[in-house]
Amino acid sequence: MWAIGATTTSDTKAGFSQGGPDLFVSAPGVSIWSTQMTTSSSLYDTSSGTSFASPGVSGVIALILSANPGLTQDDVRQILIDTSEKVGNYDYDWDPGMPGHS
């Protein structure tokens, strides 16, 4: 499973975003402009949530596959790992076999 987390506008973990061993990557998920009905009748407003982060990651995956449709799921995963910006004070050299890995 590839769980997607959300980051803030300052590239930190959003307070509502979960963590854990299934978290694969995070993407912007706070103050995302979207079309929606609001009390001011505006067609655009900002909203937050991992439901705003996931489509961004899905779009990146689609672009990767459009450039090379023959890639496997593992290939795409490795490309995302190798090219994602590492932010925050986290241990990115984790071992999934060890409890408490980051």
PDB file of N, CA and C in Angstrom:
ATOM      1  N   MET A   1       0.842  -1.172   0.000  1.00  0.00           N
ATOM      2  CA  MET A   1       0.000   0.000   0.000  1.00  0.00           C
ATOM      3  C   MET A   1       0.891   1.240   0.000  1.00  0.00           C
ATOM      4  N   TRP A   2       0.471   2.273  -0.712  1.00  0.00           N
ATOM      5  CA  TRP A   2       1.195   3.535  -0.759  1.00  0.00           C
ATOM      6  C   TRP A   2       0.337   4.609  -0.121  1.00  0.00           C
ATOM      7  N   ALA A   3       0.543   4.898   1.138  1.00  0.00           N
ATOM      8  CA  ALA A   3      -0.203   5.961   1.802  1.00  0.00           C
ATOM      9  C   ALA A   3       0.456   7.297   1.483  1.00  0.00           C
ATOM     10  N   ILE A   4      -0.376   8.319   1.269  1.00  0.00           N
ATOM     11  CA  ILE A   4       0.107   9.655   0.930  1.00  0.00           C
ATOM     12  C   ILE A   4      -0.204  10.595   2.088  1.00  0.00           C
ATOM     13  N   GLY A   5       0.806  11.326   2.531  1.00  0.00           N
ATOM     14  CA  GLY A   5       0.621  12.305   3.584  1.00  0.00           C
ATOM     15  C   GLY A   5       0.521  13.702   3.000  1.00  0.00           C
ATOM     16  N   ALA A   6       0.218  14.663   3.848  1.00  0.00           N
ATOM     17  CA  ALA A   6       0.094  16.053   3.410  1.00  0.00           C
ATOM     18  C   ALA A   6       1.131  16.915   4.111  1.00  0.00           C
ATOM     19  N   THR A   7       1.649  17.899   3.356  1.00  0.00           N
ATOM     20  CA  THR A   7       2.584  18.855   3.914  1.00  0.00           C
ATOM     21  C   THR A   7       1.957  20.244   3.923  1.00  0.00           C
ATOM     22  N   THR A   8       2.526  21.107   4.751  1.00  0.00           N
ATOM     23  CA  THR A   8       2.072  22.490   4.848  1.00  0.00           C
ATOM     24  C   THR A   8       2.760  23.341   3.780  1.00  0.00           C
ATOM     25  N   THR A   9       2.422  24.606   3.757  1.00  0.00           N
ATOM     26  CA  THR A   9       3.055  25.527   2.809  1.00  0.00           C
ATOM     27  C   THR A   9       4.529  25.756   3.126  1.00  0.00           C
ATOM     28  N   SER A  10       4.969  25.378   4.318  1.00  0.00           N
ATOM     29  CA  SER A  10       6.388  25.501   4.676  1.00  0.00           C
ATOM     30  C   SER A  10       7.098  24.148   4.690  1.00  0.00           C
ATOM     31  N   ASP A  11       6.552  23.177   3.956  1.00  0.00           N
ATOM     32  CA  ASP A  11       7.181  21.859   3.769  1.00  0.00           C
ATOM     33  C   ASP A  11       7.375  21.080   5.064  1.00  0.00           C
ATOM     34  N   THR A  12       6.405  21.180   5.971  1.00  0.00           N
ATOM     35  CA  THR A  12       6.422  20.365   7.181  1.00  0.00           C
ATOM     36  C   THR A  12       5.173  19.495   7.174  1.00  0.00           C
ATOM     37  N   LYS A  13       5.163  18.485   7.993  1.00  0.00           N
ATOM     38  CA  LYS A  13       4.010  17.591   8.068  1.00  0.00           C
ATOM     39  C   LYS A  13       2.779  18.355   8.548  1.00  0.00           C
ATOM     40  N   ALA A  14       1.686  18.212   7.815  1.00  0.00           N
ATOM     41  CA  ALA A  14       0.431  18.839   8.231  1.00  0.00           C
ATOM     42  C   ALA A  14      -0.060  18.171   9.505  1.00  0.00           C
ATOM     43  N   GLY A  15      -0.608  18.947  10.417  1.00  0.00           N
ATOM     44  CA  GLY A  15      -1.059  18.428  11.702  1.00  0.00           C
ATOM     45  C   GLY A  15      -2.099  17.328  11.586  1.00  0.00           C
ATOM     46  N   PHE A  16      -2.901  17.338  10.541  1.00  0.00           N
ATOM     47  CA  PHE A  16      -3.941  16.328  10.355  1.00  0.00           C
ATOM     48  C   PHE A  16      -3.430  15.088   9.619  1.00  0.00           C
ATOM     49  N   SER A  17      -2.229  15.159   9.098  1.00  0.00           N
ATOM     50  CA  SER A  17      -1.687  14.062   8.291  1.00  0.00           C
ATOM     51  C   SER A  17      -1.167  12.939   9.190  1.00  0.00           C
ATOM     52  N   GLN A  18      -1.422  11.732   8.796  1.00  0.00           N
ATOM     53  CA  GLN A  18      -0.987  10.580   9.562  1.00  0.00           C
ATOM     54  C   GLN A  18       0.439  10.182   9.178  1.00  0.00           C
ATOM     55  N   GLY A  19       1.029   9.319   9.963  1.00  0.00           N
ATOM     56  CA  GLY A  19       2.351   8.760   9.689  1.00  0.00           C
ATOM     57  C   GLY A  19       2.244   7.260   9.734  1.00  0.00           C
ATOM     58  N   GLY A  20       3.341   6.604   9.972  1.00  0.00           N
ATOM     59  CA  GLY A  20       3.324   5.168  10.119  1.00  0.00           C
ATOM     60  C   GLY A  20       4.051   4.456   8.993  1.00  0.00           C
ATOM     61  N   PRO A  21       4.135   3.148   9.099  1.00  0.00           N
ATOM     62  CA  PRO A  21       4.944   2.373   8.156  1.00  0.00           C
ATOM     63  C   PRO A  21       4.400   2.361   6.727  1.00  0.00           C
ATOM     64  N   ASP A  22       3.134   2.672   6.521  1.00  0.00           N
ATOM     65  CA  ASP A  22       2.577   2.668   5.170  1.00  0.00           C
ATOM     66  C   ASP A  22       2.727   4.011   4.467  1.00  0.00           C
ATOM     67  N   LEU A  23       3.173   5.052   5.189  1.00  0.00           N
ATOM     68  CA  LEU A  23       3.335   6.361   4.571  1.00  0.00           C
ATOM     69  C   LEU A  23       4.491   6.297   3.585  1.00  0.00           C
ATOM     70  N   PHE A  24       4.191   6.575   2.336  1.00  0.00           N
ATOM     71  CA  PHE A  24       5.186   6.456   1.279  1.00  0.00           C
ATOM     72  C   PHE A  24       5.792   7.802   0.911  1.00  0.00           C
ATOM     73  N   VAL A  25       4.946   8.779   0.698  1.00  0.00           N
ATOM     74  CA  VAL A  25       5.402  10.097   0.271  1.00  0.00           C
ATOM     75  C   VAL A  25       4.358  11.115   0.707  1.00  0.00           C
ATOM     76  N   SER A  26       4.782  12.354   0.836  1.00  0.00           N
ATOM     77  CA  SER A  26       3.853  13.433   1.172  1.00  0.00           C
ATOM     78  C   SER A  26       3.898  14.488   0.081  1.00  0.00           C
ATOM     79  N   ALA A  27       2.811  15.221  -0.031  1.00  0.00           N
ATOM     80  CA  ALA A  27       2.697  16.269  -1.038  1.00  0.00           C
ATOM     81  C   ALA A  27       1.912  17.426  -0.435  1.00  0.00           C
ATOM     82  N   PRO A  28       1.974  18.598  -1.071  1.00  0.00           N
ATOM     83  CA  PRO A  28       1.222  19.734  -0.535  1.00  0.00           C
ATOM     84  C   PRO A  28      -0.253  19.392  -0.321  1.00  0.00           C
ATOM     85  N   GLY A  29      -0.758  19.717   0.859  1.00  0.00           N
ATOM     86  CA  GLY A  29      -2.142  19.411   1.182  1.00  0.00           C
ATOM     87  C   GLY A  29      -2.806  20.467   2.045  1.00  0.00           C
ATOM     88  N   VAL A  30      -2.183  21.628   2.179  1.00  0.00           N
ATOM     89  CA  VAL A  30      -2.731  22.709   3.002  1.00  0.00           C
ATOM     90  C   VAL A  30      -2.906  23.948   2.133  1.00  0.00           C
ATOM     91  N   SER A  31      -4.064  24.575   2.265  1.00  0.00           N
ATOM     92  CA  SER A  31      -4.387  25.800   1.520  1.00  0.00           C
ATOM     93  C   SER A  31      -4.278  25.595   0.004  1.00  0.00           C
ATOM     94  N   ILE A  32      -4.874  24.517  -0.480  1.00  0.00           N
ATOM     95  CA  ILE A  32      -4.873  24.197  -1.904  1.00  0.00           C
ATOM     96  C   ILE A  32      -6.086  24.866  -2.554  1.00  0.00           C
ATOM     97  N   TRP A  33      -5.835  25.647  -3.601  1.00  0.00           N
ATOM     98  CA  TRP A  33      -6.937  26.302  -4.316  1.00  0.00           C
ATOM     99  C   TRP A  33      -7.755  25.270  -5.058  1.00  0.00           C
ATOM    100  N   SER A  34      -9.058  25.415  -4.991  1.00  0.00           N
ATOM    101  CA  SER A  34      -9.956  24.468  -5.629  1.00  0.00           C
ATOM    102  C   SER A  34     -11.259  25.166  -6.008  1.00  0.00           C
ATOM    103  N   THR A  35     -11.943  24.609  -6.977  1.00  0.00           N
ATOM    104  CA  THR A  35     -13.278  25.112  -7.289  1.00  0.00           C
ATOM    105  C   THR A  35     -14.242  24.502  -6.285  1.00  0.00           C
ATOM    106  N   GLN A  36     -15.047  25.346  -5.662  1.00  0.00           N
ATOM    107  CA  GLN A  36     -16.009  24.860  -4.683  1.00  0.00           C
ATOM    108  C   GLN A  36     -16.997  25.955  -4.334  1.00  0.00           C
ATOM    109  N   MET A  37     -18.105  25.536  -3.850  1.00  0.00           N
ATOM    110  CA  MET A  37     -19.121  26.489  -3.400  1.00  0.00           C
ATOM    111  C   MET A  37     -18.735  26.967  -2.004  1.00  0.00           C
ATOM    112  N   THR A  38     -18.810  28.260  -1.796  1.00  0.00           N
ATOM    113  CA  THR A  38     -18.514  28.831  -0.488  1.00  0.00           C
ATOM    114  C   THR A  38     -19.651  29.768  -0.097  1.00  0.00           C
ATOM    115  N   THR A  39     -19.615  30.235   1.109  1.00  0.00           N
ATOM    116  CA  THR A  39     -20.658  31.149   1.573  1.00  0.00           C
ATOM    117  C   THR A  39     -20.602  32.482   0.848  1.00  0.00           C
ATOM    118  N   SER A  40     -19.446  32.820   0.295  1.00  0.00           N
ATOM    119  CA  SER A  40     -19.322  34.088  -0.426  1.00  0.00           C
ATOM    120  C   SER A  40     -19.661  33.927  -1.908  1.00  0.00           C
ATOM    121  N   SER A  41     -20.127  32.752  -2.303  1.00  0.00           N
ATOM    122  CA  SER A  41     -20.483  32.445  -3.683  1.00  0.00           C
ATOM    123  C   SER A  41     -19.289  32.495  -4.632  1.00  0.00           C
ATOM    124  N   SER A  42     -18.101  32.479  -4.107  1.00  0.00           N
ATOM    125  CA  SER A  42     -16.898  32.446  -4.936  1.00  0.00           C
ATOM    126  C   SER A  42     -16.777  31.076  -5.584  1.00  0.00           C
ATOM    127  N   LEU A  43     -16.200  31.045  -6.749  1.00  0.00           N
ATOM    128  CA  LEU A  43     -15.988  29.759  -7.418  1.00  0.00           C
ATOM    129  C   LEU A  43     -14.702  29.092  -6.957  1.00  0.00           C
ATOM    130  N   TYR A  44     -13.842  29.838  -6.276  1.00  0.00           N
ATOM    131  CA  TYR A  44     -12.566  29.303  -5.823  1.00  0.00           C
ATOM    132  C   TYR A  44     -12.369  29.588  -4.346  1.00  0.00           C
ATOM    133  N   ASP A  45     -11.755  28.658  -3.676  1.00  0.00           N
ATOM    134  CA  ASP A  45     -11.405  28.841  -2.274  1.00  0.00           C
ATOM    135  C   ASP A  45     -10.313  27.834  -1.954  1.00  0.00           C
ATOM    136  N   THR A  46      -9.676  27.989  -0.820  1.00  0.00           N
ATOM    137  CA  THR A  46      -8.656  27.025  -0.420  1.00  0.00           C
ATOM    138  C   THR A  46      -9.249  26.022   0.553  1.00  0.00           C
ATOM    139  N   SER A  47      -8.663  24.850   0.540  1.00  0.00           N
ATOM    140  CA  SER A  47      -9.058  23.800   1.469  1.00  0.00           C
ATOM    141  C   SER A  47      -7.824  22.961   1.751  1.00  0.00           C
ATOM    142  N   SER A  48      -7.921  22.087   2.726  1.00  0.00           N
ATOM    143  CA  SER A  48      -6.771  21.279   3.127  1.00  0.00           C
ATOM    144  C   SER A  48      -7.189  19.837   3.345  1.00  0.00           C
ATOM    145  N   GLY A  49      -6.244  18.934   3.198  1.00  0.00           N
ATOM    146  CA  GLY A  49      -6.485  17.524   3.468  1.00  0.00           C
ATOM    147  C   GLY A  49      -5.588  16.641   2.627  1.00  0.00           C
ATOM    148  N   THR A  50      -5.451  15.403   3.064  1.00  0.00           N
ATOM    149  CA  THR A  50      -4.668  14.455   2.262  1.00  0.00           C
ATOM    150  C   THR A  50      -5.382  14.151   0.948  1.00  0.00           C
ATOM    151  N   SER A  51      -6.677  14.417   0.904  1.00  0.00           N
ATOM    152  CA  SER A  51      -7.411  14.218  -0.341  1.00  0.00           C
ATOM    153  C   SER A  51      -6.989  15.244  -1.397  1.00  0.00           C
ATOM    154  N   PHE A  52      -6.293  16.297  -0.998  1.00  0.00           N
ATOM    155  CA  PHE A  52      -5.721  17.247  -1.942  1.00  0.00           C
ATOM    156  C   PHE A  52      -4.288  16.859  -2.292  1.00  0.00           C
ATOM    157  N   ALA A  53      -3.602  16.143  -1.411  1.00  0.00           N
ATOM    158  CA  ALA A  53      -2.225  15.724  -1.666  1.00  0.00           C
ATOM    159  C   ALA A  53      -2.170  14.527  -2.616  1.00  0.00           C
ATOM    160  N   SER A  54      -3.072  13.590  -2.445  1.00  0.00           N
ATOM    161  CA  SER A  54      -3.041  12.356  -3.245  1.00  0.00           C
ATOM    162  C   SER A  54      -3.154  12.579  -4.745  1.00  0.00           C
ATOM    163  N   PRO A  55      -4.042  13.453  -5.231  1.00  0.00           N
ATOM    164  CA  PRO A  55      -4.103  13.670  -6.677  1.00  0.00           C
ATOM    165  C   PRO A  55      -2.810  14.241  -7.253  1.00  0.00           C
ATOM    166  N   GLY A  56      -2.093  15.035  -6.472  1.00  0.00           N
ATOM    167  CA  GLY A  56      -0.811  15.554  -6.940  1.00  0.00           C
ATOM    168  C   GLY A  56       0.189  14.438  -7.180  1.00  0.00           C
ATOM    169  N   VAL A  57       0.250  13.506  -6.235  1.00  0.00           N
ATOM    170  CA  VAL A  57       1.154  12.360  -6.381  1.00  0.00           C
ATOM    171  C   VAL A  57       0.704  11.479  -7.543  1.00  0.00           C
ATOM    172  N   SER A  58      -0.597  11.278  -7.672  1.00  0.00           N
ATOM    173  CA  SER A  58      -1.123  10.479  -8.787  1.00  0.00           C
ATOM    174  C   SER A  58      -0.760  11.116 -10.127  1.00  0.00           C
ATOM    175  N   GLY A  59      -0.817  12.447 -10.185  1.00  0.00           N
ATOM    176  CA  GLY A  59      -0.448  13.148 -11.416  1.00  0.00           C
ATOM    177  C   GLY A  59       1.019  12.959 -11.758  1.00  0.00           C
ATOM    178  N   VAL A  60       1.881  12.998 -10.758  1.00  0.00           N
ATOM    179  CA  VAL A  60       3.308  12.773 -10.988  1.00  0.00           C
ATOM    180  C   VAL A  60       3.533  11.344 -11.501  1.00  0.00           C
ATOM    181  N   ILE A  61       2.847  10.388 -10.905  1.00  0.00           N
ATOM    182  CA  ILE A  61       2.966   8.994 -11.363  1.00  0.00           C
ATOM    183  C   ILE A  61       2.497   8.869 -12.807  1.00  0.00           C
ATOM    184  N   ALA A  62       1.399   9.533 -13.157  1.00  0.00           N
ATOM    185  CA  ALA A  62       0.900   9.495 -14.532  1.00  0.00           C
ATOM    186  C   ALA A  62       1.915  10.083 -15.504  1.00  0.00           C
ATOM    187  N   LEU A  63       2.560  11.180 -15.116  1.00  0.00           N
ATOM    188  CA  LEU A  63       3.577  11.777 -15.980  1.00  0.00           C
ATOM    189  C   LEU A  63       4.783  10.859 -16.152  1.00  0.00           C
ATOM    190  N   ILE A  64       5.198  10.212 -15.071  1.00  0.00           N
ATOM    191  CA  ILE A  64       6.311   9.257 -15.151  1.00  0.00           C
ATOM    192  C   ILE A  64       5.967   8.133 -16.121  1.00  0.00           C
ATOM    193  N   LEU A  65       4.752   7.594 -15.989  1.00  0.00           N
ATOM    194  CA  LEU A  65       4.337   6.488 -16.863  1.00  0.00           C
ATOM    195  C   LEU A  65       4.096   6.938 -18.303  1.00  0.00           C
ATOM    196  N   SER A  66       3.715   8.191 -18.505  1.00  0.00           N
ATOM    197  CA  SER A  66       3.527   8.668 -19.880  1.00  0.00           C
ATOM    198  C   SER A  66       4.869   8.773 -20.597  1.00  0.00           C
ATOM    199  N   ALA A  67       5.925   9.044 -19.837  1.00  0.00           N
ATOM    200  CA  ALA A  67       7.260   9.117 -20.428  1.00  0.00           C
ATOM    201  C   ALA A  67       7.829   7.732 -20.696  1.00  0.00           C
ATOM    202  N   ASN A  68       7.424   6.754 -19.886  1.00  0.00           N
ATOM    203  CA  ASN A  68       7.907   5.385 -20.065  1.00  0.00           C
ATOM    204  C   ASN A  68       6.831   4.410 -19.586  1.00  0.00           C
ATOM    205  N   PRO A  69       5.900   4.044 -20.469  1.00  0.00           N
ATOM    206  CA  PRO A  69       4.785   3.174 -20.085  1.00  0.00           C
ATOM    207  C   PRO A  69       5.198   1.760 -19.665  1.00  0.00           C
ATOM    208  N   GLY A  70       6.422   1.380 -19.956  1.00  0.00           N
ATOM    209  CA  GLY A  70       6.872   0.028 -19.619  1.00  0.00           C
ATOM    210  C   GLY A  70       7.389  -0.120 -18.202  1.00  0.00           C
ATOM    211  N   LEU A  71       7.387   0.954 -17.427  1.00  0.00           N
ATOM    212  CA  LEU A  71       7.893   0.867 -16.058  1.00  0.00           C
ATOM    213  C   LEU A  71       6.982   0.001 -15.196  1.00  0.00           C
ATOM    214  N   THR A  72       7.593  -0.713 -14.277  1.00  0.00           N
ATOM    215  CA  THR A  72       6.827  -1.505 -13.320  1.00  0.00           C
ATOM    216  C   THR A  72       6.466  -0.625 -12.123  1.00  0.00           C
ATOM    217  N   GLN A  73       5.598  -1.143 -11.280  1.00  0.00           N
ATOM    218  CA  GLN A  73       5.228  -0.428 -10.054  1.00  0.00           C
ATOM    219  C   GLN A  73       6.467  -0.169  -9.207  1.00  0.00           C
ATOM    220  N   ASP A  74       7.342  -1.158  -9.120  1.00  0.00           N
ATOM    221  CA  ASP A  74       8.575  -0.982  -8.342  1.00  0.00           C
ATOM    222  C   ASP A  74       9.470   0.086  -8.951  1.00  0.00           C
ATOM    223  N   ASP A  75       9.526   0.150 -10.306  1.00  0.00           N
ATOM    224  CA  ASP A  75      10.318   1.183 -10.978  1.00  0.00           C
ATOM    225  C   ASP A  75       9.801   2.566 -10.614  1.00  0.00           C
ATOM    226  N   VAL A  76       8.497   2.743 -10.699  1.00  0.00           N
ATOM    227  CA  VAL A  76       7.887   4.046 -10.402  1.00  0.00           C
ATOM    228  C   VAL A  76       8.151   4.418  -8.946  1.00  0.00           C
ATOM    229  N   ARG A  77       7.981   3.466  -8.059  1.00  0.00           N
ATOM    230  CA  ARG A  77       8.231   3.712  -6.630  1.00  0.00           C
ATOM    231  C   ARG A  77       9.672   4.177  -6.423  1.00  0.00           C
ATOM    232  N   GLN A  78      10.626   3.527  -7.074  1.00  0.00           N
ATOM    233  CA  GLN A  78      12.029   3.888  -6.901  1.00  0.00           C
ATOM    234  C   GLN A  78      12.314   5.279  -7.472  1.00  0.00           C
ATOM    235  N   ILE A  79      11.705   5.609  -8.599  1.00  0.00           N
ATOM    236  CA  ILE A  79      11.881   6.950  -9.181  1.00  0.00           C
ATOM    237  C   ILE A  79      11.369   8.011  -8.199  1.00  0.00           C
ATOM    238  N   LEU A  80      10.212   7.761  -7.599  1.00  0.00           N
ATOM    239  CA  LEU A  80       9.671   8.714  -6.621  1.00  0.00           C
ATOM    240  C   LEU A  80      10.598   8.846  -5.412  1.00  0.00           C
ATOM    241  N   ILE A  81      11.123   7.739  -4.942  1.00  0.00           N
ATOM    242  CA  ILE A  81      12.042   7.768  -3.796  1.00  0.00           C
ATOM    243  C   ILE A  81      13.310   8.541  -4.149  1.00  0.00           C
ATOM    244  N   ASP A  82      13.856   8.270  -5.331  1.00  0.00           N
ATOM    245  CA  ASP A  82      15.126   8.889  -5.727  1.00  0.00           C
ATOM    246  C   ASP A  82      15.005  10.375  -6.036  1.00  0.00           C
ATOM    247  N   THR A  83      13.831  10.827  -6.439  1.00  0.00           N
ATOM    248  CA  THR A  83      13.700  12.215  -6.884  1.00  0.00           C
ATOM    249  C   THR A  83      12.895  13.104  -5.935  1.00  0.00           C
ATOM    250  N   SER A  84      12.341  12.550  -4.882  1.00  0.00           N
ATOM    251  CA  SER A  84      11.590  13.364  -3.927  1.00  0.00           C
ATOM    252  C   SER A  84      12.536  14.200  -3.088  1.00  0.00           C
ATOM    253  N   GLU A  85      12.096  15.405  -2.776  1.00  0.00           N
ATOM    254  CA  GLU A  85      12.869  16.272  -1.903  1.00  0.00           C
ATOM    255  C   GLU A  85      12.697  15.786  -0.472  1.00  0.00           C
ATOM    256  N   LYS A  86      13.800  15.552   0.190  1.00  0.00           N
ATOM    257  CA  LYS A  86      13.761  15.116   1.579  1.00  0.00           C
ATOM    258  C   LYS A  86      13.692  16.348   2.465  1.00  0.00           C
ATOM    259  N   VAL A  87      12.662  16.464   3.290  1.00  0.00           N
ATOM    260  CA  VAL A  87      12.499  17.629   4.157  1.00  0.00           C
ATOM    261  C   VAL A  87      12.275  17.177   5.593  1.00  0.00           C
ATOM    262  N   GLY A  88      12.520  18.071   6.507  1.00  0.00           N
ATOM    263  CA  GLY A  88      12.274  17.774   7.917  1.00  0.00           C
ATOM    264  C   GLY A  88      13.428  17.050   8.565  1.00  0.00           C
ATOM    265  N   ASN A  89      13.280  16.833   9.835  1.00  0.00           N
ATOM    266  CA  ASN A  89      14.307  16.171  10.626  1.00  0.00           C
ATOM    267  C   ASN A  89      13.925  14.703  10.792  1.00  0.00           C
ATOM    268  N   TYR A  90      14.059  13.947   9.716  1.00  0.00           N
ATOM    269  CA  TYR A  90      13.640  12.552   9.724  1.00  0.00           C
ATOM    270  C   TYR A  90      14.786  11.663   9.293  1.00  0.00           C
ATOM    271  N   ASP A  91      14.741  10.425   9.717  1.00  0.00           N
ATOM    272  CA  ASP A  91      15.717   9.423   9.304  1.00  0.00           C
ATOM    273  C   ASP A  91      15.195   8.779   8.024  1.00  0.00           C
ATOM    274  N   TYR A  92      15.794   9.103   6.893  1.00  0.00           N
ATOM    275  CA  TYR A  92      15.329   8.567   5.625  1.00  0.00           C
ATOM    276  C   TYR A  92      15.992   7.244   5.266  1.00  0.00           C
ATOM    277  N   ASP A  93      16.915   6.783   6.103  1.00  0.00           N
ATOM    278  CA  ASP A  93      17.568   5.497   5.854  1.00  0.00           C
ATOM    279  C   ASP A  93      16.987   4.435   6.774  1.00  0.00           C
ATOM    280  N   TRP A  94      15.683   4.252   6.689  1.00  0.00           N
ATOM    281  CA  TRP A  94      14.990   3.358   7.605  1.00  0.00           C
ATOM    282  C   TRP A  94      15.009   1.923   7.111  1.00  0.00           C
ATOM    283  N   ASP A  95      14.796   1.049   8.032  1.00  0.00           N
ATOM    284  CA  ASP A  95      14.685  -0.378   7.723  1.00  0.00           C
ATOM    285  C   ASP A  95      13.264  -0.806   8.079  1.00  0.00           C
ATOM    286  N   PRO A  96      12.435  -1.162   7.062  1.00  0.00           N
ATOM    287  CA  PRO A  96      11.049  -1.513   7.363  1.00  0.00           C
ATOM    288  C   PRO A  96      10.903  -2.722   8.271  1.00  0.00           C
ATOM    289  N   GLY A  97      11.962  -3.499   8.428  1.00  0.00           N
ATOM    290  CA  GLY A  97      11.903  -4.660   9.305  1.00  0.00           C
ATOM    291  C   GLY A  97      12.083  -4.308  10.771  1.00  0.00           C
ATOM    292  N   MET A  98      12.393  -3.039  11.042  1.00  0.00           N
ATOM    293  CA  MET A  98      12.632  -2.621  12.419  1.00  0.00           C
ATOM    294  C   MET A  98      11.484  -1.768  12.919  1.00  0.00           C
ATOM    295  N   PRO A  99      10.919  -2.090  14.078  1.00  0.00           N
ATOM    296  CA  PRO A  99       9.832  -1.281  14.638  1.00  0.00           C
ATOM    297  C   PRO A  99      10.275   0.150  14.885  1.00  0.00           C
ATOM    298  N   GLY A 100       9.376   1.077  14.654  1.00  0.00           N
ATOM    299  CA  GLY A 100       9.657   2.482  14.928  1.00  0.00           C
ATOM    300  C   GLY A 100      10.452   3.196  13.846  1.00  0.00           C
ATOM    301  N   HIS A 101      10.561   2.567  12.681  1.00  0.00           N
ATOM    302  CA  HIS A 101      11.313   3.254  11.623  1.00  0.00           C
ATOM    303  C   HIS A 101      10.560   4.494  11.170  1.00  0.00           C
ATOM    304  N   SER A 102      11.287   5.437  10.594  1.00  0.00           N
ATOM    305  CA  SER A 102      10.635   6.695  10.181  1.00  0.00           C
ATOM    306  C   SER A 102      10.200   6.614   8.740  1.00  0.00           C
TER     307      SER A 102
END
